[in-house]
C-alpha atoms as a PDB file:
ATOM      1  CA  UNK A   1    -119.678 152.786 -23.857  1.00  0.00           C
ATOM      2  CA  UNK A   2    -119.733 150.039 -21.245  1.00  0.00           C
ATOM      3  CA  UNK A   3    -119.086 146.502 -22.411  1.00  0.00           C
ATOM      4  CA  UNK A   4    -121.930 143.970 -22.403  1.00  0.00           C
ATOM      5  CA  UNK A   5    -121.923 140.993 -20.059  1.00  0.00           C
ATOM      6  CA  UNK A   6    -119.240 138.435 -21.030  1.00  0.00           C
ATOM      7  CA  UNK A   7    -119.855 134.721 -21.484  1.00  0.00           C
ATOM      8  CA  UNK A   8    -117.256 132.061 -22.280  1.00  0.00           C
ATOM      9  CA  UNK A   9    -118.130 128.844 -24.085  1.00  0.00           C
ATOM     10  CA  UNK A  10    -115.801 125.861 -23.732  1.00  0.00           C
ATOM     11  CA  UNK A  11    -116.873 123.437 -26.434  1.00  0.00           C
ATOM     12  CA  UNK A  12    -116.230 121.811 -29.797  1.00  0.00           C
ATOM     13  CA  UNK A  13    -116.442 123.413 -33.215  1.00  0.00           C
ATOM     14  CA  UNK A  14    -119.255 122.392 -35.595  1.00  0.00           C
ATOM     15  CA  UNK A  15    -118.098 123.078 -39.155  1.00  0.00           C
ATOM     16  CA  UNK A  16    -121.732 123.135 -40.322  1.00  0.00           C
ATOM     17  CA  UNK A  17    -122.499 126.041 -37.995  1.00  0.00           C
ATOM     18  CA  UNK A  18    -125.572 124.552 -36.334  1.00  0.00           C
ATOM     19  CA  UNK A  19    -124.239 123.419 -32.962  1.00  0.00           C
ATOM     20  CA  UNK A  20    -121.149 123.701 -30.776  1.00  0.00           C
ATOM     21  CA  UNK A  21    -119.088 126.867 -30.572  1.00  0.00           C
ATOM     22  CA  UNK A  22    -120.871 128.362 -33.566  1.00  0.00           C
ATOM     23  CA  UNK A  23    -124.333 127.923 -32.073  1.00  0.00           C
ATOM     24  CA  UNK A  24    -123.104 129.223 -28.722  1.00  0.00           C
ATOM     25  CA  UNK A  25    -121.718 132.450 -30.137  1.00  0.00           C
ATOM     26  CA  UNK A  26    -124.816 133.077 -32.280  1.00  0.00           C
ATOM     27  CA  UNK A  27    -127.023 132.599 -29.221  1.00  0.00           C
ATOM     28  CA  UNK A  28    -124.912 134.954 -27.130  1.00  0.00           C
ATOM     29  CA  UNK A  29    -125.037 137.650 -29.800  1.00  0.00           C
ATOM     30  CA  UNK A  30    -128.813 137.273 -30.124  1.00  0.00           C
ATOM     31  CA  UNK A  31    -129.230 137.663 -26.356  1.00  0.00           C
ATOM     32  CA  UNK A  32    -127.050 140.746 -26.057  1.00  0.00           C
ATOM     33  CA  UNK A  33    -123.905 139.417 -24.393  1.00  0.00           C
ATOM     34  CA  UNK A  34    -120.292 139.264 -25.574  1.00  0.00           C
ATOM     35  CA  UNK A  35    -119.423 135.676 -26.440  1.00  0.00           C
ATOM     36  CA  UNK A  36    -115.889 134.266 -26.198  1.00  0.00           C
ATOM     37  CA  UNK A  37    -114.661 130.758 -26.906  1.00  0.00           C
ATOM     38  CA  UNK A  38    -112.310 127.994 -25.888  1.00  0.00           C
ATOM     39  CA  UNK A  39    -112.296 125.315 -28.581  1.00  0.00           C
ATOM     40  CA  UNK A  40    -111.846 121.807 -27.187  1.00  0.00           C
ATOM     41  CA  UNK A  41    -112.260 119.816 -30.397  1.00  0.00           C
ATOM     42  CA  UNK A  42    -112.736 120.263 -34.119  1.00  0.00           C
ATOM     43  CA  UNK A  43    -115.404 118.279 -35.934  1.00  0.00           C
ATOM     44  CA  UNK A  44    -116.106 117.693 -39.607  1.00  0.00           C
ATOM     45  CA  UNK A  45    -119.867 117.952 -39.396  1.00  0.00           C
ATOM     46  CA  UNK A  46    -122.856 118.793 -41.566  1.00  0.00           C
ATOM     47  CA  UNK A  47    -126.614 118.218 -41.684  1.00  0.00           C
ATOM     48  CA  UNK A  48    -126.068 114.479 -42.219  1.00  0.00           C
ATOM     49  CA  UNK A  49    -123.829 113.786 -39.228  1.00  0.00           C
ATOM     50  CA  UNK A  50    -120.292 113.908 -37.875  1.00  0.00           C
ATOM     51  CA  UNK A  51    -117.667 112.682 -40.322  1.00  0.00           C
ATOM     52  CA  UNK A  52    -114.701 113.193 -38.014  1.00  0.00           C
ATOM     53  CA  UNK A  53    -113.625 114.664 -34.677  1.00  0.00           C
ATOM     54  CA  UNK A  54    -110.203 115.676 -33.340  1.00  0.00           C
ATOM     55  CA  UNK A  55    -109.712 116.872 -29.773  1.00  0.00           C
ATOM     56  CA  UNK A  56    -107.197 119.602 -28.996  1.00  0.00           C
ATOM     57  CA  UNK A  57    -104.318 119.081 -26.565  1.00  0.00           C
ATOM     58  CA  UNK A  58    -105.068 119.964 -22.963  1.00  0.00           C
ATOM     59  CA  UNK A  59    -102.395 122.672 -23.015  1.00  0.00           C
ATOM     60  CA  UNK A  60    -104.156 124.382 -25.952  1.00  0.00           C
ATOM     61  CA  UNK A  61    -107.445 124.365 -24.049  1.00  0.00           C
ATOM     62  CA  UNK A  62    -105.766 125.682 -20.907  1.00  0.00           C
ATOM     63  CA  UNK A  63    -103.968 128.456 -22.817  1.00  0.00           C
ATOM     64  CA  UNK A  64    -107.174 129.643 -24.514  1.00  0.00           C
ATOM     65  CA  UNK A  65    -109.039 129.713 -21.210  1.00  0.00           C
ATOM     66  CA  UNK A  66    -106.350 131.579 -19.293  1.00  0.00           C
ATOM     67  CA  UNK A  67    -105.920 134.058 -22.156  1.00  0.00           C
ATOM     68  CA  UNK A  68    -109.567 135.075 -21.994  1.00  0.00           C
ATOM     69  CA  UNK A  69    -110.264 134.865 -18.265  1.00  0.00           C
ATOM     70  CA  UNK A  70    -107.057 136.531 -17.055  1.00  0.00           C
ATOM     71  CA  UNK A  71    -107.436 139.560 -19.327  1.00  0.00           C
ATOM     72  CA  UNK A  72    -111.092 140.021 -20.254  1.00  0.00           C
ATOM     73  CA  UNK A  73    -112.870 138.197 -17.448  1.00  0.00           C
ATOM     74  CA  UNK A  74    -116.154 136.321 -17.576  1.00  0.00           C
ATOM     75  CA  UNK A  75    -119.556 136.566 -15.940  1.00  0.00           C
ATOM     76  CA  UNK A  76    -120.662 133.053 -16.897  1.00  0.00           C
ATOM     77  CA  UNK A  77    -119.088 129.926 -18.390  1.00  0.00           C
ATOM     78  CA  UNK A  78    -120.812 127.283 -20.505  1.00  0.00           C
ATOM     79  CA  UNK A  79    -119.228 123.893 -21.200  1.00  0.00           C
ATOM     80  CA  UNK A  80    -120.189 121.603 -24.064  1.00  0.00           C
ATOM     81  CA  UNK A  81    -118.277 118.914 -25.952  1.00  0.00           C
ATOM     82  CA  UNK A  82    -115.220 117.922 -23.909  1.00  0.00           C
ATOM     83  CA  UNK A  83    -114.428 114.634 -25.708  1.00  0.00           C
ATOM     84  CA  UNK A  84    -112.063 112.918 -23.242  1.00  0.00           C
ATOM     85  CA  UNK A  85    -111.387 112.393 -19.535  1.00  0.00           C
ATOM     86  CA  UNK A  86    -108.231 114.489 -19.816  1.00  0.00           C
ATOM     87  CA  UNK A  87    -110.139 117.453 -21.225  1.00  0.00           C
ATOM     88  CA  UNK A  88    -112.972 117.062 -18.712  1.00  0.00           C
ATOM     89  CA  UNK A  89    -110.467 117.165 -15.863  1.00  0.00           C
ATOM     90  CA  UNK A  90    -108.575 120.094 -17.402  1.00  0.00           C
ATOM     91  CA  UNK A  91    -111.774 122.116 -17.814  1.00  0.00           C
ATOM     92  CA  UNK A  92    -112.973 121.201 -14.322  1.00  0.00           C
ATOM     93  CA  UNK A  93    -109.731 122.534 -12.878  1.00  0.00           C
ATOM     94  CA  UNK A  94    -110.115 125.764 -14.835  1.00  0.00           C
ATOM     95  CA  UNK A  95    -113.781 126.498 -14.096  1.00  0.00           C
ATOM     96  CA  UNK A  96    -113.278 125.499 -10.473  1.00  0.00           C
ATOM     97  CA  UNK A  97    -110.924 128.444 -10.095  1.00  0.00           C
ATOM     98  CA  UNK A  98    -113.234 130.928 -11.829  1.00  0.00           C
ATOM     99  CA  UNK A  99    -115.700 133.021  -9.846  1.00  0.00           C
ATOM    100  CA  UNK A 100    -118.646 132.806 -12.234  1.00  0.00           C
ATOM    101  CA  UNK A 101    -121.740 130.616 -12.686  1.00  0.00           C
ATOM    102  CA  UNK A 102    -121.112 127.495 -14.760  1.00  0.00           C
ATOM    103  CA  UNK A 103    -123.644 125.862 -17.088  1.00  0.00           C
ATOM    104  CA  UNK A 104    -122.657 122.290 -17.931  1.00  0.00           C
ATOM    105  CA  UNK A 105    -124.144 120.761 -21.068  1.00  0.00           C
ATOM    106  CA  UNK A 106    -122.859 117.162 -20.727  1.00  0.00           C
ATOM    107  CA  UNK A 107    -122.647 116.517 -24.462  1.00  0.00           C
ATOM    108  CA  UNK A 108    -122.505 112.779 -25.101  1.00  0.00           C
ATOM    109  CA  UNK A 109    -123.854 112.252 -28.608  1.00  0.00           C
ATOM    110  CA  UNK A 110    -124.718 114.436 -31.577  1.00  0.00           C
ATOM    111  CA  UNK A 111    -128.221 114.938 -32.967  1.00  0.00           C
ATOM    112  CA  UNK A 112    -127.426 112.118 -35.422  1.00  0.00           C
ATOM    113  CA  UNK A 113    -126.269 109.684 -32.730  1.00  0.00           C
ATOM    114  CA  UNK A 114    -122.519 110.166 -33.193  1.00  0.00           C
ATOM    115  CA  UNK A 115    -120.494 109.796 -29.986  1.00  0.00           C
ATOM    116  CA  UNK A 116    -118.842 113.030 -28.801  1.00  0.00           C
ATOM    117  CA  UNK A 117    -117.644 111.861 -25.382  1.00  0.00           C
ATOM    118  CA  UNK A 118    -115.423 108.876 -24.625  1.00  0.00           C
ATOM    119  CA  UNK A 119    -116.985 106.259 -22.346  1.00  0.00           C
ATOM    120  CA  UNK A 120    -113.926 106.591 -20.127  1.00  0.00           C
ATOM    121  CA  UNK A 121    -114.757 110.262 -19.505  1.00  0.00           C
ATOM    122  CA  UNK A 122    -118.162 109.688 -17.889  1.00  0.00           C
ATOM    123  CA  UNK A 123    -116.792 109.203 -14.388  1.00  0.00           C
ATOM    124  CA  UNK A 124    -114.762 112.409 -14.691  1.00  0.00           C
ATOM    125  CA  UNK A 125    -117.931 114.262 -15.709  1.00  0.00           C
ATOM    126  CA  UNK A 126    -119.793 112.859 -12.705  1.00  0.00           C
ATOM    127  CA  UNK A 127    -117.115 113.438 -10.096  1.00  0.00           C
ATOM    128  CA  UNK A 128    -115.094 116.399 -11.355  1.00  0.00           C
ATOM    129  CA  UNK A 129    -117.399 118.571 -13.471  1.00  0.00           C
ATOM    130  CA  UNK A 130    -120.935 118.154 -12.122  1.00  0.00           C
ATOM    131  CA  UNK A 131    -119.992 119.297  -8.586  1.00  0.00           C
ATOM    132  CA  UNK A 132    -118.955 122.643 -10.093  1.00  0.00           C
ATOM    133  CA  UNK A 133    -122.146 123.200 -12.087  1.00  0.00           C
ATOM    134  CA  UNK A 134    -124.556 125.980 -11.288  1.00  0.00           C
ATOM    135  CA  UNK A 135    -126.895 124.219 -13.732  1.00  0.00           C
ATOM    136  CA  UNK A 136    -126.438 120.925 -15.591  1.00  0.00           C
ATOM    137  CA  UNK A 137    -128.628 120.432 -18.682  1.00  0.00           C
ATOM    138  CA  UNK A 138    -128.751 116.777 -19.828  1.00  0.00           C
ATOM    139  CA  UNK A 139    -131.170 115.428 -22.403  1.00  0.00           C
ATOM    140  CA  UNK A 140    -132.657 111.996 -21.803  1.00  0.00           C
ATOM    141  CA  UNK A 141    -129.869 110.107 -23.588  1.00  0.00           C
ATOM    142  CA  UNK A 142    -127.290 111.942 -21.468  1.00  0.00           C
ATOM    143  CA  UNK A 143    -129.324 111.243 -18.327  1.00  0.00           C
ATOM    144  CA  UNK A 144    -129.133 107.528 -19.123  1.00  0.00           C
ATOM    145  CA  UNK A 145    -125.377 107.762 -19.771  1.00  0.00           C
ATOM    146  CA  UNK A 146    -124.684 109.551 -16.503  1.00  0.00           C
ATOM    147  CA  UNK A 147    -127.160 107.871 -14.155  1.00  0.00           C
ATOM    148  CA  UNK A 148    -128.437 104.663 -15.726  1.00  0.00           C
ATOM    149  CA  UNK A 149    -131.997 106.003 -15.347  1.00  0.00           C
ATOM    150  CA  UNK A 150    -134.048 105.531 -18.514  1.00  0.00           C
ATOM    151  CA  UNK A 151    -136.724 108.218 -18.522  1.00  0.00           C
ATOM    152  CA  UNK A 152    -140.075 107.299 -20.032  1.00  0.00           C
ATOM    153  CA  UNK A 153    -142.433 109.451 -17.950  1.00  0.00           C
ATOM    154  CA  UNK A 154    -142.411 112.765 -16.122  1.00  0.00           C
ATOM    155  CA  UNK A 155    -142.115 110.862 -12.844  1.00  0.00           C
ATOM    156  CA  UNK A 156    -138.910 109.305 -14.181  1.00  0.00           C
ATOM    157  CA  UNK A 157    -137.579 112.815 -14.830  1.00  0.00           C
ATOM    158  CA  UNK A 158    -137.835 113.565 -11.110  1.00  0.00           C
ATOM    159  CA  UNK A 159    -136.032 110.326 -10.257  1.00  0.00           C
ATOM    160  CA  UNK A 160    -133.240 111.144 -12.723  1.00  0.00           C
ATOM    161  CA  UNK A 161    -132.874 114.653 -11.316  1.00  0.00           C
ATOM    162  CA  UNK A 162    -132.528 113.235  -7.803  1.00  0.00           C
ATOM    163  CA  UNK A 163    -129.660 110.993  -8.917  1.00  0.00           C
ATOM    164  CA  UNK A 164    -127.911 113.838 -10.734  1.00  0.00           C
ATOM    165  CA  UNK A 165    -128.204 116.123  -7.701  1.00  0.00           C
ATOM    166  CA  UNK A 166    -126.250 113.550  -5.698  1.00  0.00           C
ATOM    167  CA  UNK A 167    -123.189 114.451  -7.794  1.00  0.00           C
ATOM    168  CA  UNK A 168    -123.285 118.019  -6.491  1.00  0.00           C
ATOM    169  CA  UNK A 169    -124.662 120.493  -9.049  1.00  0.00           C
ATOM    170  CA  UNK A 170    -126.728 123.343  -7.592  1.00  0.00           C
ATOM    171  CA  UNK A 171    -129.537 122.866 -10.123  1.00  0.00           C
ATOM    172  CA  UNK A 172    -130.471 120.135 -12.599  1.00  0.00           C
ATOM    173  CA  UNK A 173    -132.464 120.757 -15.775  1.00  0.00           C
ATOM    174  CA  UNK A 174    -133.693 117.431 -17.154  1.00  0.00           C
ATOM    175  CA  UNK A 175    -134.782 118.056 -20.737  1.00  0.00           C
ATOM    176  CA  UNK A 176    -137.767 115.948 -21.743  1.00  0.00           C
ATOM    177  CA  UNK A 177    -137.742 116.821 -25.415  1.00  0.00           C
ATOM    178  CA  UNK A 178    -137.629 113.147 -26.416  1.00  0.00           C
ATOM    179  CA  UNK A 179    -140.901 112.343 -24.626  1.00  0.00           C
ATOM    180  CA  UNK A 180    -144.260 112.441 -26.386  1.00  0.00           C
ATOM    181  CA  UNK A 181    -146.552 115.435 -26.009  1.00  0.00           C
ATOM    182  CA  UNK A 182    -145.522 118.956 -25.102  1.00  0.00           C
ATOM    183  CA  UNK A 183    -141.820 119.754 -24.761  1.00  0.00           C
ATOM    184  CA  UNK A 184    -141.463 119.537 -20.979  1.00  0.00           C
ATOM    185  CA  UNK A 185    -138.349 120.156 -18.881  1.00  0.00           C
ATOM    186  CA  UNK A 186    -137.837 119.811 -15.136  1.00  0.00           C
ATOM    187  CA  UNK A 187    -135.650 122.304 -13.267  1.00  0.00           C
ATOM    188  CA  UNK A 188    -134.931 121.473  -9.629  1.00  0.00           C
ATOM    189  CA  UNK A 189    -132.411 122.073  -6.874  1.00  0.00           C
ATOM    190  CA  UNK A 190    -133.817 119.269  -4.743  1.00  0.00           C
ATOM    191  CA  UNK A 191    -136.343 121.443  -2.956  1.00  0.00           C
ATOM    192  CA  UNK A 192    -137.969 123.751  -5.516  1.00  0.00           C
ATOM    193  CA  UNK A 193    -139.362 122.276  -8.735  1.00  0.00           C
ATOM    194  CA  UNK A 194    -140.124 124.188 -11.911  1.00  0.00           C
ATOM    195  CA  UNK A 195    -141.903 122.361 -14.736  1.00  0.00           C
ATOM    196  CA  UNK A 196    -141.358 124.222 -17.993  1.00  0.00           C
ATOM    197  CA  UNK A 197    -143.689 123.407 -20.868  1.00  0.00           C
ATOM    198  CA  UNK A 198    -143.783 124.584 -24.463  1.00  0.00           C
ATOM    199  CA  UNK A 199    -145.643 123.507 -27.594  1.00  0.00           C
ATOM    200  CA  UNK A 200    -143.977 120.818 -29.680  1.00  0.00           C
ATOM    201  CA  UNK A 201    -143.581 122.131 -33.217  1.00  0.00           C
ATOM    202  CA  UNK A 202    -143.657 119.792 -36.193  1.00  0.00           C
ATOM    203  CA  UNK A 203    -140.191 120.744 -37.397  1.00  0.00           C
ATOM    204  CA  UNK A 204    -137.381 118.212 -37.832  1.00  0.00           C
ATOM    205  CA  UNK A 205    -134.732 120.931 -38.134  1.00  0.00           C
ATOM    206  CA  UNK A 206    -133.542 121.008 -34.523  1.00  0.00           C
ATOM    207  CA  UNK A 207    -129.758 120.648 -34.814  1.00  0.00           C
ATOM    208  CA  UNK A 208    -128.012 122.562 -32.017  1.00  0.00           C
ATOM    209  CA  UNK A 209    -130.938 122.699 -29.604  1.00  0.00           C
ATOM    210  CA  UNK A 210    -128.966 121.614 -26.529  1.00  0.00           C
ATOM    211  CA  UNK A 211    -126.015 123.901 -27.180  1.00  0.00           C
ATOM    212  CA  UNK A 212    -128.372 126.795 -27.812  1.00  0.00           C
ATOM    213  CA  UNK A 213    -130.359 126.261 -24.612  1.00  0.00           C
ATOM    214  CA  UNK A 214    -127.280 125.969 -22.394  1.00  0.00           C
ATOM    215  CA  UNK A 215    -125.724 129.076 -23.956  1.00  0.00           C
ATOM    216  CA  UNK A 216    -128.958 130.990 -23.504  1.00  0.00           C
ATOM    217  CA  UNK A 217    -129.039 130.044 -19.817  1.00  0.00           C
ATOM    218  CA  UNK A 218    -125.423 131.172 -19.388  1.00  0.00           C
ATOM    219  CA  UNK A 219    -126.209 134.444 -21.160  1.00  0.00           C
ATOM    220  CA  UNK A 220    -129.128 135.182 -18.860  1.00  0.00           C
ATOM    221  CA  UNK A 221    -127.101 134.313 -15.763  1.00  0.00           C
ATOM    222  CA  UNK A 222    -124.364 136.686 -16.913  1.00  0.00           C
ATOM    223  CA  UNK A 223    -126.979 139.430 -17.143  1.00  0.00           C
ATOM    224  CA  UNK A 224    -127.970 138.846 -13.516  1.00  0.00           C
ATOM    225  CA  UNK A 225    -130.982 136.521 -13.706  1.00  0.00           C
ATOM    226  CA  UNK A 226    -131.587 133.920 -11.038  1.00  0.00           C
ATOM    227  CA  UNK A 227    -131.378 130.305 -12.221  1.00  0.00           C
ATOM    228  CA  UNK A 228    -135.177 129.871 -12.567  1.00  0.00           C
ATOM    229  CA  UNK A 229    -135.432 133.212 -14.399  1.00  0.00           C
ATOM    230  CA  UNK A 230    -132.517 132.343 -16.694  1.00  0.00           C
ATOM    231  CA  UNK A 231    -133.877 128.907 -17.570  1.00  0.00           C
ATOM    232  CA  UNK A 232    -137.384 130.236 -18.197  1.00  0.00           C
ATOM    233  CA  UNK A 233    -136.080 132.946 -20.548  1.00  0.00           C
ATOM    234  CA  UNK A 234    -133.761 130.462 -22.295  1.00  0.00           C
ATOM    235  CA  UNK A 235    -136.617 128.000 -22.791  1.00  0.00           C
ATOM    236  CA  UNK A 236    -138.699 130.715 -24.476  1.00  0.00           C
ATOM    237  CA  UNK A 237    -135.772 131.680 -26.719  1.00  0.00           C
ATOM    238  CA  UNK A 238    -134.978 128.127 -27.823  1.00  0.00           C
ATOM    239  CA  UNK A 239    -138.658 127.346 -28.423  1.00  0.00           C
ATOM    240  CA  UNK A 240    -138.790 130.233 -30.893  1.00  0.00           C
ATOM    241  CA  UNK A 241    -135.547 129.050 -32.481  1.00  0.00           C
ATOM    242  CA  UNK A 242    -136.936 125.523 -32.926  1.00  0.00           C
ATOM    243  CA  UNK A 243    -140.141 126.845 -34.437  1.00  0.00           C
ATOM    244  CA  UNK A 244    -138.086 128.830 -36.976  1.00  0.00           C
ATOM    245  CA  UNK A 245    -135.569 126.038 -37.713  1.00  0.00           C
ATOM    246  CA  UNK A 246    -134.803 125.696 -41.396  1.00  0.00           C
ATOM    247  CA  UNK A 247    -133.649 123.097 -43.912  1.00  0.00           C
ATOM    248  CA  UNK A 248    -129.933 123.096 -44.679  1.00  0.00           C
ATOM    249  CA  UNK A 249    -128.141 120.444 -46.713  1.00  0.00           C
ATOM    250  CA  UNK A 250    -129.640 117.001 -47.104  1.00  0.00           C
ATOM    251  CA  UNK A 251    -130.341 116.149 -43.465  1.00  0.00           C
ATOM    252  CA  UNK A 252    -131.363 117.841 -40.224  1.00  0.00           C
ATOM    253  CA  UNK A 253    -131.116 121.614 -40.400  1.00  0.00           C
ATOM    254  CA  UNK A 254    -130.347 123.965 -37.509  1.00  0.00           C
ATOM    255  CA  UNK A 255    -132.550 125.976 -35.219  1.00  0.00           C
ATOM    256  CA  UNK A 256    -132.713 129.658 -36.145  1.00  0.00           C
ATOM    257  CA  UNK A 257    -130.615 131.574 -33.621  1.00  0.00           C
ATOM    258  CA  UNK A 258    -131.627 134.932 -35.071  1.00  0.00           C
ATOM    259  CA  UNK A 259    -135.380 134.374 -35.113  1.00  0.00           C
ATOM    260  CA  UNK A 260    -136.175 137.096 -32.596  1.00  0.00           C
ATOM    261  CA  UNK A 261    -133.767 139.580 -34.178  1.00  0.00           C
ATOM    262  CA  UNK A 262    -135.423 139.111 -37.565  1.00  0.00           C
ATOM    263  CA  UNK A 263    -138.865 139.422 -36.029  1.00  0.00           C
ATOM    264  CA  UNK A 264    -137.814 142.733 -34.473  1.00  0.00           C
ATOM    265  CA  UNK A 265    -136.369 143.970 -37.763  1.00  0.00           C
ATOM    266  CA  UNK A 266    -139.538 143.064 -39.629  1.00  0.00           C
ATOM    267  CA  UNK A 267    -141.662 144.950 -37.103  1.00  0.00           C
ATOM    268  CA  UNK A 268    -139.610 148.091 -37.664  1.00  0.00           C
ATOM    269  CA  UNK A 269    -140.064 148.030 -41.467  1.00  0.00           C
END
């Protein structure tokens, strides 16, 4: 049997299983690709927040990446939590030498507001990583970190995207999930604009949303979708996962990465 499309996530580990590497691999499995991982940091994390974080040495990140890419190969790469300027620059060097689309999720803070990226790393993200991105997927807090633009309206989303495009990514997906009303995102390459809208569900259990969306985009790109096709399909997948998010522990629970698989299983019974 032929192997499925292969996607590599370069990100931190979430011990609670809702975000990070764990969310990435669950998403990839749900979307029919083979997920592989390079762990950049280990977090002690649960539904209440991040209790600790420890980044791995750059040589450990480099060795994991080379081990996978040189033997197995990849058809898309997704980056998430990179923690420090040294790791950002290490990962930029690695993905820059890989012939595959790159989805950059510029993780800055956790769902609970815990910092996951050193302030000193922001310039490395702007100048070293964003120019390599096929798609960059910041939420509004990350937009403010990277550009200084504070988005309060849909018009502001366009302004933020314009600033981000100046750093060199092919496409920018500004996620407007923190705005009121429908969940609206703007995908643009500076010429074409795609406004993606979905209902906003009254469900507080949304841990891992950003990781899940970026991994879904990478999965669809690995399967041969164009960027607009990949983002549209990923948006539909993550909307279903948010709707099915469930309580876990005493805080914010995760989205349900297997929602569509379970729906399919139920239909067969």
